[in-house]
Amino acid sequence: MSGPHNPKQREPRASIAKETTADRTATMTLNMPPRSMAALDAMAAEEGMSKTATVRAALRLYQLLKVRMRKTGATEIMLRGQDGEVVRLVPVNFLSVPEAGARAED
């Protein structure tokens, strides 16, 4: 039997490469002091997210703040509560990049 319905004569299929998680992500080890790890654990639990998702969200917020500060020339970020109280969120040097060879302060 010949023709398109012959099971032995299949049309060639295009090879489709499947994207794996490894293709989309990189792995890193993050060393943190116990107090920082406890804070991360608490934030993740409070938001119902994994620690990885919490760190990703924090990184996105950091990037947003940094871009916003550069665009506006802002030197600090302030939050105003519903009661009108103003809180300084980020010190001036928090988002600055240290000079090569400079030592980060603890």
Protein backbone atom coordinates (compact mmCIF):
# COMPACT_ATOMS: atom_id res chain seq x y z
CA MET A 1 0.00 0.00 0.00
CA SER A 2 1.38 3.36 -0.94
CA GLY A 3 0.14 6.88 -0.46
CA PRO A 4 -0.23 9.35 2.36
CA HIS A 5 -2.09 6.91 4.61
CA ASN A 6 0.64 4.29 4.71
CA PRO A 7 1.86 4.24 8.36
CA LYS A 8 5.35 3.29 7.25
CA GLN A 9 5.69 6.45 5.12
CA ARG A 10 5.46 9.27 7.65
CA GLU A 11 6.21 12.83 6.70
CA PRO A 12 9.38 14.14 8.30
CA ARG A 13 8.73 16.31 11.31
CA ALA A 14 10.62 19.45 12.11
CA SER A 15 12.83 19.02 15.12
CA ILE A 16 11.59 21.24 17.93
CA ALA A 17 14.09 21.94 20.65
CA LYS A 18 12.42 22.07 24.03
CA GLU A 19 13.53 24.83 26.35
CA THR A 20 14.51 23.50 29.74
CA THR A 21 14.66 25.30 33.06
CA ALA A 22 18.45 25.24 32.79
CA ASP A 23 18.19 27.23 29.55
CA ARG A 24 16.21 29.99 31.28
CA THR A 25 17.93 30.21 34.65
CA ALA A 26 21.35 30.28 36.22
CA THR A 27 22.20 29.01 39.67
CA MET A 28 24.12 30.89 42.32
CA THR A 29 24.94 30.32 45.95
CA LEU A 30 24.19 33.22 48.26
CA ASN A 31 25.99 33.41 51.59
CA MET A 32 24.13 35.45 54.21
CA PRO A 33 24.56 36.16 57.88
CA PRO A 34 22.00 34.28 60.02
CA ARG A 35 20.02 37.47 60.75
CA SER A 36 19.68 38.23 57.04
CA MET A 37 18.61 34.65 56.32
CA ALA A 38 16.02 34.85 59.11
CA ALA A 39 14.70 38.09 57.59
CA LEU A 40 14.51 36.44 54.15
CA ASP A 41 12.70 33.43 55.62
CA ALA A 42 10.21 35.74 57.37
CA MET A 43 9.56 37.83 54.23
CA ALA A 44 9.08 34.74 52.09
CA ALA A 45 6.67 33.21 54.60
CA GLU A 46 4.74 36.49 54.98
CA GLU A 47 4.28 36.80 51.22
CA GLY A 48 3.69 33.07 50.68
CA MET A 49 6.61 32.91 48.25
CA SER A 50 9.76 30.86 48.03
CA LYS A 51 13.05 32.44 49.08
CA THR A 52 14.08 32.45 45.42
CA ALA A 53 10.93 34.33 44.39
CA THR A 54 11.44 36.77 47.28
CA VAL A 55 15.03 37.50 46.21
CA ARG A 56 13.88 37.97 42.61
CA ALA A 57 11.17 40.41 43.73
CA ALA A 58 13.72 42.32 45.82
CA LEU A 59 16.07 42.50 42.84
CA ARG A 60 13.28 43.85 40.61
CA LEU A 61 12.47 46.50 43.23
CA TYR A 62 16.16 47.41 43.56
CA GLN A 63 16.43 47.78 39.77
CA LEU A 64 13.28 49.90 39.64
CA LEU A 65 14.54 52.21 42.39
CA LYS A 66 17.95 52.53 40.81
CA VAL A 67 16.54 53.40 37.37
CA ARG A 68 14.05 55.85 38.89
CA MET A 69 16.74 57.57 40.92
CA ARG A 70 19.00 57.90 37.87
CA LYS A 71 16.19 59.26 35.68
CA THR A 72 15.02 61.82 38.23
CA GLY A 73 18.37 62.68 39.78
CA ALA A 74 16.93 61.77 43.18
CA THR A 75 19.42 61.29 45.99
CA GLU A 76 17.06 59.59 48.44
CA ILE A 77 13.71 57.85 48.57
CA MET A 78 11.03 58.85 51.01
CA LEU A 79 7.80 57.07 51.91
CA ARG A 80 4.79 58.93 53.24
CA GLY A 81 2.34 56.92 55.30
CA GLN A 82 -1.41 57.50 55.41
CA ASP A 83 -0.90 59.38 58.67
CA GLY A 84 1.46 61.78 56.87
CA GLU A 85 4.57 60.42 58.56
CA VAL A 86 7.57 60.48 56.23
CA VAL A 87 10.19 57.74 56.42
CA ARG A 88 13.53 57.78 54.63
CA LEU A 89 13.69 54.42 52.88
CA VAL A 90 17.08 54.40 51.20
CA PRO A 91 20.18 56.30 52.25
CA VAL A 92 21.96 58.29 49.55
CA ASN A 93 24.82 55.83 49.07
CA PHE A 94 22.70 52.66 49.09
CA LEU A 95 22.32 52.53 45.31
CA SER A 96 25.71 53.91 44.39
CA VAL A 97 28.29 51.63 42.86
CA PRO A 98 31.54 51.52 44.85
CA GLU A 99 34.77 52.48 43.12
CA ALA A 100 36.96 49.59 41.98
CA GLY A 101 38.96 48.37 44.95
CA ALA A 102 36.74 50.16 47.47
CA ARG A 103 35.75 48.15 50.52
CA ALA A 104 32.04 47.78 51.24
CA GLU A 105 31.05 48.80 54.73
CA ASP A 106 29.22 46.27 56.92
